[in-house]
Amino acid sequence: MRSLIVTALLAVASMAASPKWHQLDGYTFDQFIVDQGRRYESGSAEYKKRKAIFEENMKEIRTHNADNSWSYKKGVNQFTDVTKEEFRAYNRYEKAKNLPPPTEVHKAEPGATVPPTKDWRLATNPRVLTAIKNQGMCGNCWAHSATESMEAYFAMLTGQLPVLSTQQITSCTSFMNGCGGGDATAAWVYVNSTEGLTSEWAYPFVDIFAASMSKGATSPCKDISKEFKPFNWVNMLSEVGIEGYGTVSPSNNADAAKEALANKGPMSISVASLGWQFYESGIYQNNGNSTDDWQIDHAVQMVGYGTDEAAGKNYWIVRNSWSTLWGEEGFIRLDRPAKEPCNFFGSICGTAGCLNGLNYPKVFQQKTKHF
């Protein structure tokens, strides 16, 4: 596990652009080290270990890309020298227990009119999506998903698009495990119990460099307002409040998901991301492995749907929190077939399980604090 920590930390620091899937001929581990900013000592045990993992993963990537039956391509990214077991440990969604029920249920009306495409990335009046986030070495995907949806719904409510504090949610949602995992709905329950969620500039995300993905490595919760000296009216600490959260009904239903995305807004979802390790571009398909396809382990945000005419495929648009260097500048498109796939019991549906639960926050504008 320690080697994973070192690898992930260095991945966070890296800003190098990796070659695309069609530029991998002759691509070597030593070049990967340069591109990703790794600091393995040449010839060391760690170097040899990571080189072997890299070369095995590159075989998988090349084999996949040579098979034209797939509608997506795999490529090189921050996870190319990481084993599948290490990647599995990186994904930390944890469904919350004993939460209060949703305060609102959004039911898609039968025959409701929806546009053929919806992409919240393109919204400009108001703009509702902040920049792609990077959870780094902290397993707080759930806090990013919760914050992203709060930002979006606040923008739709007020026309203002704040960048909100994932660190406050990560550190202060005491009944979740911080960098060790959690649930977006639990984050909203926490915010509902406080005076609101503050801005990123006031309570910045420092656990991107957490020593491990655990509650023990998570920074302690603090009252950030005590960090500032009073300057009368000049400085203000704005916060976003939560009065509950909603869920889309019925779950595991593509028509309901489309209607909610079109007429309500972006949705926080949980997915099975074990097959996303090397995703680079295109429309991701389930790989036929029941574990990889249905083991819900990661929290993200669904921000739309559309059709790729060239590929002849429909897709869902999902925003991730692994930086813009992963996937399609931080996003992934998931296959949206005419008949959505489901697990054996029918309890989890959609590519990568993306339809198993769509939730959203009910936000309001808290009274501005002066400090």
Protein backbone atom coordinates (compact mmCIF):
# COMPACT_ATOMS: atom_id res chain seq x y z
CA MET A 1 0.00 0.00 0.00
CA ARG A 2 2.86 2.37 0.75
CA SER A 3 4.06 2.11 -2.85
CA LEU A 4 0.58 3.07 -4.05
CA ILE A 5 0.73 6.14 -1.83
CA VAL A 6 4.02 7.23 -3.34
CA THR A 7 2.74 6.58 -6.86
CA ALA A 8 -0.50 8.50 -6.32
CA LEU A 9 1.18 11.44 -4.68
CA LEU A 10 3.54 11.81 -7.58
CA ALA A 11 0.62 11.53 -9.97
CA VAL A 12 -1.02 14.46 -8.23
CA ALA A 13 2.08 16.58 -8.76
CA SER A 14 2.45 15.66 -12.41
CA MET A 15 1.21 18.04 -15.08
CA ALA A 16 2.76 16.29 -18.07
CA ALA A 17 0.59 15.36 -21.03
CA SER A 18 0.76 11.66 -21.89
CA PRO A 19 0.70 10.46 -25.51
CA LYS A 20 -2.69 9.54 -26.93
CA TRP A 21 -3.75 5.96 -27.59
CA HIS A 22 -2.60 6.09 -31.24
CA GLN A 23 0.85 7.43 -30.24
CA LEU A 24 1.99 4.54 -28.06
CA ASP A 25 4.28 2.68 -30.48
CA GLY A 26 7.68 2.47 -28.81
CA TYR A 27 6.45 4.17 -25.66
CA THR A 28 8.67 3.14 -22.74
CA PHE A 29 8.54 3.06 -18.99
CA ASP A 30 11.40 5.54 -18.77
CA GLN A 31 9.43 8.02 -20.89
CA PHE A 32 6.39 7.40 -18.69
CA ILE A 33 8.51 8.30 -15.65
CA VAL A 34 9.41 11.61 -17.27
CA ASP A 35 5.85 12.35 -18.40
CA GLN A 36 4.31 11.55 -15.03
CA GLY A 37 7.03 13.04 -12.86
CA ARG A 38 7.78 9.76 -11.08
CA ARG A 39 10.89 9.56 -8.92
CA TYR A 40 11.76 5.91 -9.06
CA GLU A 41 15.49 5.30 -8.73
CA SER A 42 16.64 3.48 -11.83
CA GLY A 43 17.41 -0.18 -11.07
CA SER A 44 15.79 -0.09 -7.62
CA ALA A 45 13.29 -2.73 -6.50
CA GLU A 46 10.45 -0.21 -6.78
CA TYR A 47 11.57 0.76 -10.30
CA LYS A 48 11.61 -2.89 -11.40
CA LYS A 49 8.24 -3.57 -9.78
CA ARG A 50 6.55 -0.56 -11.37
CA LYS A 51 8.15 -1.26 -14.75
CA ALA A 52 6.73 -4.79 -14.75
CA ILE A 53 3.26 -3.48 -13.84
CA PHE A 54 3.51 -0.77 -16.50
CA GLU A 55 4.49 -3.24 -19.22
CA GLU A 56 1.68 -5.63 -18.29
CA ASN A 57 -0.84 -2.79 -18.34
CA MET A 58 0.48 -1.55 -21.69
CA LYS A 59 -0.19 -5.01 -23.15
CA GLU A 60 -3.79 -4.74 -21.99
CA ILE A 61 -4.11 -1.22 -23.40
CA ARG A 62 -2.71 -2.17 -26.82
CA THR A 63 -4.80 -5.36 -27.04
CA HIS A 64 -7.96 -3.45 -26.22
CA ASN A 65 -7.25 -0.70 -28.75
CA ALA A 66 -6.57 -3.24 -31.50
CA ASP A 67 -10.10 -4.64 -31.08
CA ASN A 68 -12.45 -2.42 -33.07
CA SER A 69 -15.53 -3.91 -31.44
CA TRP A 70 -14.97 -1.57 -28.49
CA SER A 71 -16.39 1.95 -28.72
CA TYR A 72 -13.77 3.46 -26.41
CA LYS A 73 -10.01 3.62 -26.24
CA LYS A 74 -7.63 2.97 -23.38
CA GLY A 75 -4.54 5.07 -22.84
CA VAL A 76 -1.73 6.12 -20.55
CA ASN A 77 -2.56 8.11 -17.43
CA GLN A 78 -1.64 8.38 -13.74
CA PHE A 79 -2.80 4.79 -13.14
CA THR A 80 -0.68 3.01 -15.76
CA ASP A 81 1.90 1.73 -13.27
CA VAL A 82 -0.73 0.77 -10.69
CA THR A 83 -2.07 -2.77 -10.22
CA LYS A 84 -5.77 -3.53 -10.41
CA GLU A 85 -5.74 -4.30 -6.69
CA GLU A 86 -4.20 -0.90 -5.91
CA PHE A 87 -6.70 0.81 -8.18
CA ARG A 88 -9.53 -1.06 -6.47
CA ALA A 89 -8.33 0.33 -3.13
CA TYR A 90 -8.33 3.86 -4.57
CA ASN A 91 -12.11 3.94 -5.04
CA ARG A 92 -13.80 4.72 -1.73
CA TYR A 93 -17.53 5.22 -2.15
CA GLU A 94 -19.30 4.00 1.00
CA LYS A 95 -23.09 3.99 1.15
CA ALA A 96 -24.30 5.80 4.24
CA LYS A 97 -26.61 4.02 6.65
CA ASN A 98 -29.49 5.33 8.74
CA LEU A 99 -29.78 8.62 6.90
CA PRO A 100 -33.06 10.54 6.95
CA PRO A 101 -35.13 9.87 3.81
CA PRO A 102 -35.08 12.31 0.90
CA THR A 103 -37.21 15.39 1.39
CA GLU A 104 -38.26 15.38 -2.26
CA VAL A 105 -38.86 12.74 -4.90
CA HIS A 106 -38.59 13.82 -8.52
CA LYS A 107 -40.87 11.58 -10.57
CA ALA A 108 -40.63 11.66 -14.32
CA GLU A 109 -44.04 12.30 -15.79
CA PRO A 110 -45.11 9.61 -18.30
CA GLY A 111 -44.45 10.89 -21.79
CA ALA A 112 -42.56 13.94 -20.51
CA THR A 113 -40.89 15.90 -23.28
CA VAL A 114 -37.10 15.91 -23.17
CA PRO A 115 -34.59 17.22 -25.71
CA PRO A 116 -32.59 14.67 -27.72
CA THR A 117 -29.40 15.90 -26.01
CA LYS A 118 -28.61 17.70 -22.78
CA ASP A 119 -25.14 18.82 -21.79
CA TRP A 120 -24.82 20.96 -18.66
CA ARG A 121 -21.20 21.68 -19.59
CA LEU A 122 -22.55 24.01 -22.27
CA ALA A 123 -24.85 26.01 -20.00
CA THR A 124 -23.81 29.67 -19.91
CA ASN A 125 -26.78 31.61 -18.54
CA PRO A 126 -26.10 30.73 -15.85
CA ARG A 127 -22.95 28.64 -15.99
CA VAL A 128 -23.52 25.73 -13.59
CA LEU A 129 -20.35 23.60 -13.59
CA THR A 130 -17.08 24.56 -11.94
CA ALA A 131 -13.75 23.22 -13.18
CA ILE A 132 -12.86 19.52 -12.92
CA LYS A 133 -11.63 18.66 -9.44
CA ASN A 134 -8.79 16.39 -8.34
CA GLN A 135 -9.21 14.24 -5.22
CA GLY A 136 -5.53 13.29 -5.30
CA MET A 137 -4.60 10.83 -2.57
CA CYS A 138 -7.83 11.37 -0.61
CA GLY A 139 -10.69 8.91 -1.09
CA ASN A 140 -13.26 11.70 -0.90
CA CYS A 141 -14.91 11.29 -4.29
CA TRP A 142 -18.20 11.49 -2.40
CA ALA A 143 -17.39 14.98 -1.09
CA HIS A 144 -16.48 16.17 -4.59
CA SER A 145 -19.71 14.78 -6.03
CA ALA A 146 -21.76 16.42 -3.26
CA THR A 147 -19.98 19.76 -3.64
CA GLU A 148 -20.27 19.77 -7.43
CA SER A 149 -24.03 19.33 -7.25
CA MET A 150 -24.36 22.01 -4.57
CA GLU A 151 -22.43 24.40 -6.80
CA ALA A 152 -24.66 23.59 -9.77
CA TYR A 153 -27.98 23.98 -7.97
CA PHE A 154 -26.87 27.18 -6.27
CA ALA A 155 -25.92 28.58 -9.67
CA MET A 156 -29.33 27.68 -11.07
CA LEU A 157 -30.99 29.28 -8.03
CA THR A 158 -29.01 32.52 -7.85
CA GLY A 159 -27.00 32.92 -11.06
CA GLN A 160 -23.82 32.78 -8.95
CA LEU A 161 -21.36 29.89 -9.38
CA PRO A 162 -19.25 29.51 -6.24
CA VAL A 163 -16.38 27.08 -5.82
CA LEU A 164 -17.34 25.36 -2.59
CA SER A 165 -15.22 23.62 0.03
CA THR A 166 -14.78 19.89 -0.39
CA GLN A 167 -12.47 19.97 2.63
CA GLN A 168 -15.22 21.12 4.97
CA ILE A 169 -17.42 18.21 3.91
CA THR A 170 -14.51 15.75 4.04
CA SER A 171 -13.37 16.81 7.50
CA CYS A 172 -16.65 17.68 9.18
CA THR A 173 -19.08 14.96 8.07
CA SER A 174 -18.26 13.02 11.22
CA PHE A 175 -20.40 9.97 10.48
CA MET A 176 -18.49 9.34 7.24
CA ASN A 177 -14.84 8.33 6.86
CA GLY A 178 -13.33 11.43 5.27
CA CYS A 179 -10.52 10.34 2.95
CA GLY A 180 -11.55 6.77 3.72
CA GLY A 181 -14.88 7.04 1.92
CA GLY A 182 -18.42 8.30 2.12
CA ASP A 183 -21.68 9.15 0.38
CA ALA A 184 -22.82 12.42 -1.26
CA THR A 185 -26.24 12.30 0.40
CA ALA A 186 -24.53 12.07 3.80
CA ALA A 187 -22.62 15.24 2.95
CA TRP A 188 -25.89 17.08 2.36
CA VAL A 189 -27.30 15.80 5.65
CA TYR A 190 -24.21 17.19 7.36
CA VAL A 191 -24.53 20.60 5.68
CA ASN A 192 -28.20 20.67 6.67
CA SER A 193 -27.10 20.42 10.32
CA THR A 194 -24.71 23.40 10.06
CA GLU A 195 -24.84 27.06 9.11
CA GLY A 196 -23.82 26.13 5.57
CA LEU A 197 -20.98 25.10 3.30
CA THR A 198 -18.34 27.76 2.77
CA SER A 199 -16.14 28.56 -0.19
CA GLU A 200 -12.99 26.76 -1.32
CA TRP A 201 -10.91 29.93 -0.87
CA ALA A 202 -11.85 30.09 2.81
CA TYR A 203 -11.53 26.37 3.61
CA PRO A 204 -9.16 24.96 0.96
CA PHE A 205 -8.69 21.31 0.05
CA VAL A 206 -5.47 20.21 1.73
CA ASP A 207 -6.12 16.47 1.91
CA ILE A 208 -5.17 16.09 -1.74
CA PHE A 209 -1.82 15.14 -0.18
CA ALA A 210 -3.27 12.89 2.56
CA ALA A 211 -0.83 10.30 3.87
CA SER A 212 -3.38 7.54 3.29
CA MET A 213 -6.96 7.02 2.23
CA SER A 214 -8.35 6.77 5.74
CA LYS A 215 -10.33 8.71 8.30
CA GLY A 216 -7.24 8.91 10.49
CA ALA A 217 -5.31 10.75 7.77
CA THR A 218 -8.14 13.24 7.20
CA SER A 219 -7.57 16.79 8.44
CA PRO A 220 -9.62 17.58 11.56
CA CYS A 221 -12.76 19.66 11.26
CA LYS A 222 -12.41 23.30 12.25
CA ASP A 223 -14.47 26.46 12.47
CA ILE A 224 -12.85 28.37 9.63
CA SER A 225 -14.49 31.67 10.64
CA LYS A 226 -12.14 31.77 13.63
CA GLU A 227 -9.17 31.91 11.26
CA PHE A 228 -9.97 35.47 10.15
CA LYS A 229 -9.52 38.78 11.89
CA PRO A 230 -12.47 41.20 11.64
CA PHE A 231 -12.30 43.86 8.95
CA ASN A 232 -15.78 45.32 9.50
CA TRP A 233 -17.90 45.10 6.36
CA VAL A 234 -15.14 44.65 3.76
CA ASN A 235 -14.74 40.87 3.95
CA MET A 236 -17.61 38.43 3.80
CA LEU A 237 -17.88 34.67 4.26
CA SER A 238 -20.66 33.48 2.00
CA GLU A 239 -22.16 30.07 2.57
CA VAL A 240 -24.61 27.75 0.80
CA GLY A 241 -27.30 26.06 2.83
CA ILE A 242 -29.11 22.75 2.41
CA GLU A 243 -32.76 22.21 3.28
CA GLY A 244 -32.83 18.57 2.22
CA TYR A 245 -32.12 16.44 -0.79
CA GLY A 246 -34.06 14.83 -3.57
CA THR A 247 -33.96 11.55 -5.42
CA VAL A 248 -35.13 10.52 -8.88
CA SER A 249 -37.89 7.92 -9.15
CA PRO A 250 -38.01 5.32 -10.43
CA SER A 251 -34.37 4.40 -9.97
CA ASN A 252 -32.53 2.26 -12.52
CA ASN A 253 -34.68 3.81 -15.23
CA ALA A 254 -33.11 5.52 -18.23
CA ASP A 255 -36.20 7.54 -19.15
CA ALA A 256 -36.47 8.92 -15.61
CA ALA A 257 -32.76 9.79 -15.64
CA LYS A 258 -33.05 11.63 -18.95
CA GLU A 259 -36.09 13.60 -17.79
CA ALA A 260 -34.41 14.55 -14.50
CA LEU A 261 -31.20 15.65 -16.23
CA ALA A 262 -33.14 17.70 -18.76
CA ASN A 263 -35.67 19.31 -16.41
CA LYS A 264 -34.05 19.27 -12.97
CA GLY A 265 -30.27 19.46 -13.32
CA PRO A 266 -27.00 17.53 -12.88
CA MET A 267 -27.16 14.52 -10.57
CA SER A 268 -24.82 13.01 -8.00
CA ILE A 269 -24.49 9.30 -8.71
CA SER A 270 -22.45 6.30 -7.62
CA VAL A 271 -20.85 3.95 -10.12
CA ALA A 272 -18.77 0.82 -10.60
CA SER A 273 -15.48 2.35 -11.75
CA LEU A 274 -13.14 -0.65 -11.68
CA GLY A 275 -13.07 -0.71 -15.48
CA TRP A 276 -12.22 2.99 -15.77
CA GLN A 277 -8.53 2.66 -14.88
CA PHE A 278 -7.17 3.23 -18.39
CA TYR A 279 -10.14 5.00 -20.02
CA GLU A 280 -9.01 7.70 -22.43
CA SER A 281 -11.79 8.52 -24.86
CA GLY A 282 -14.92 7.31 -26.57
CA ILE A 283 -18.08 5.67 -25.21
CA TYR A 284 -17.29 3.29 -22.37
CA GLN A 285 -19.00 -0.10 -22.47
CA ASN A 286 -19.44 -2.67 -19.73
CA ASN A 287 -16.74 -5.28 -20.07
CA GLY A 288 -18.85 -8.35 -19.24
CA ASN A 289 -17.19 -8.93 -15.87
CA SER A 290 -19.89 -8.96 -13.20
CA THR A 291 -17.55 -7.63 -10.49
CA ASP A 292 -16.20 -4.76 -12.56
CA ASP A 293 -19.60 -3.82 -13.95
CA TRP A 294 -21.70 -3.85 -10.79
CA GLN A 295 -19.47 -3.28 -7.77
CA ILE A 296 -20.43 0.28 -6.81
CA ASP A 297 -17.27 1.93 -5.51
CA HIS A 298 -17.05 5.54 -6.69
CA ALA A 299 -19.10 8.77 -6.50
CA VAL A 300 -19.30 11.15 -9.47
CA GLN A 301 -21.71 13.58 -11.14
CA MET A 302 -23.89 12.89 -14.18
CA VAL A 303 -24.18 16.06 -16.27
CA GLY A 304 -26.07 15.08 -19.38
CA TYR A 305 -26.67 12.72 -22.26
CA GLY A 306 -26.27 12.72 -26.01
CA THR A 307 -25.64 10.77 -29.20
CA ASP A 308 -22.43 10.16 -31.12
CA GLU A 309 -23.63 9.92 -34.69
CA ALA A 310 -20.29 8.68 -36.00
CA ALA A 311 -20.15 5.85 -33.49
CA GLY A 312 -23.88 5.18 -33.74
CA LYS A 313 -24.19 5.19 -29.95
CA ASN A 314 -26.05 7.08 -27.28
CA TYR A 315 -24.24 8.04 -24.09
CA TRP A 316 -24.43 9.51 -20.61
CA ILE A 317 -21.97 12.31 -19.70
CA VAL A 318 -20.25 11.84 -16.35
CA ARG A 319 -17.89 14.21 -14.57
CA ASN A 320 -15.06 12.61 -12.59
CA SER A 321 -12.67 13.92 -9.90
CA TRP A 322 -9.36 12.51 -11.15
CA SER A 323 -8.11 15.75 -12.78
CA THR A 324 -8.35 16.87 -16.41
CA LEU A 325 -5.45 14.56 -17.30
CA TRP A 326 -7.78 11.55 -17.05
CA GLY A 327 -10.36 10.61 -19.67
CA GLU A 328 -11.90 13.25 -21.91
CA GLU A 329 -10.48 16.23 -20.00
CA GLY A 330 -11.88 14.80 -16.77
CA PHE A 331 -15.14 13.42 -18.19
CA ILE A 332 -16.26 9.98 -19.35
CA ARG A 333 -19.08 9.03 -21.68
CA LEU A 334 -20.98 5.89 -20.72
CA ASP A 335 -22.88 3.72 -23.17
CA ARG A 336 -26.65 4.41 -23.18
CA PRO A 337 -28.15 1.51 -25.17
CA ALA A 338 -31.83 1.13 -26.03
CA LYS A 339 -32.08 -1.53 -23.32
CA GLU A 340 -29.99 -0.59 -20.30
CA PRO A 341 -27.89 -3.43 -18.83
CA CYS A 342 -28.66 -4.60 -15.29
CA ASN A 343 -27.06 -6.95 -12.80
CA PHE A 344 -28.55 -10.40 -12.18
CA PHE A 345 -31.00 -9.11 -9.57
CA GLY A 346 -32.00 -6.00 -11.50
CA SER A 347 -31.03 -3.87 -8.50
CA ILE A 348 -28.24 -2.00 -10.34
CA CYS A 349 -28.69 -0.84 -13.92
CA GLY A 350 -26.95 1.29 -16.50
CA THR A 351 -23.41 1.08 -17.85
CA ALA A 352 -21.07 0.95 -14.83
CA GLY A 353 -24.23 0.91 -12.68
CA CYS A 354 -24.79 4.60 -13.35
CA LEU A 355 -28.59 4.48 -12.93
CA ASN A 356 -28.73 2.84 -9.50
CA GLY A 357 -29.48 6.13 -7.74
CA LEU A 358 -29.66 9.75 -8.93
CA ASN A 359 -29.72 12.35 -6.15
CA TYR A 360 -29.56 16.14 -5.92
CA PRO A 361 -29.36 18.77 -3.14
CA LYS A 362 -32.05 21.30 -2.25
CA VAL A 363 -30.00 24.44 -1.67
CA PHE A 364 -30.67 27.95 -0.43
CA GLN A 365 -28.60 31.07 0.05
CA GLN A 366 -27.43 31.42 3.63
CA LYS A 367 -27.21 34.86 5.16
CA THR A 368 -23.78 36.34 4.45
CA LYS A 369 -21.37 36.30 7.38
CA HIS A 370 -19.09 39.23 8.14
CA PHE A 371 -15.75 38.56 9.77
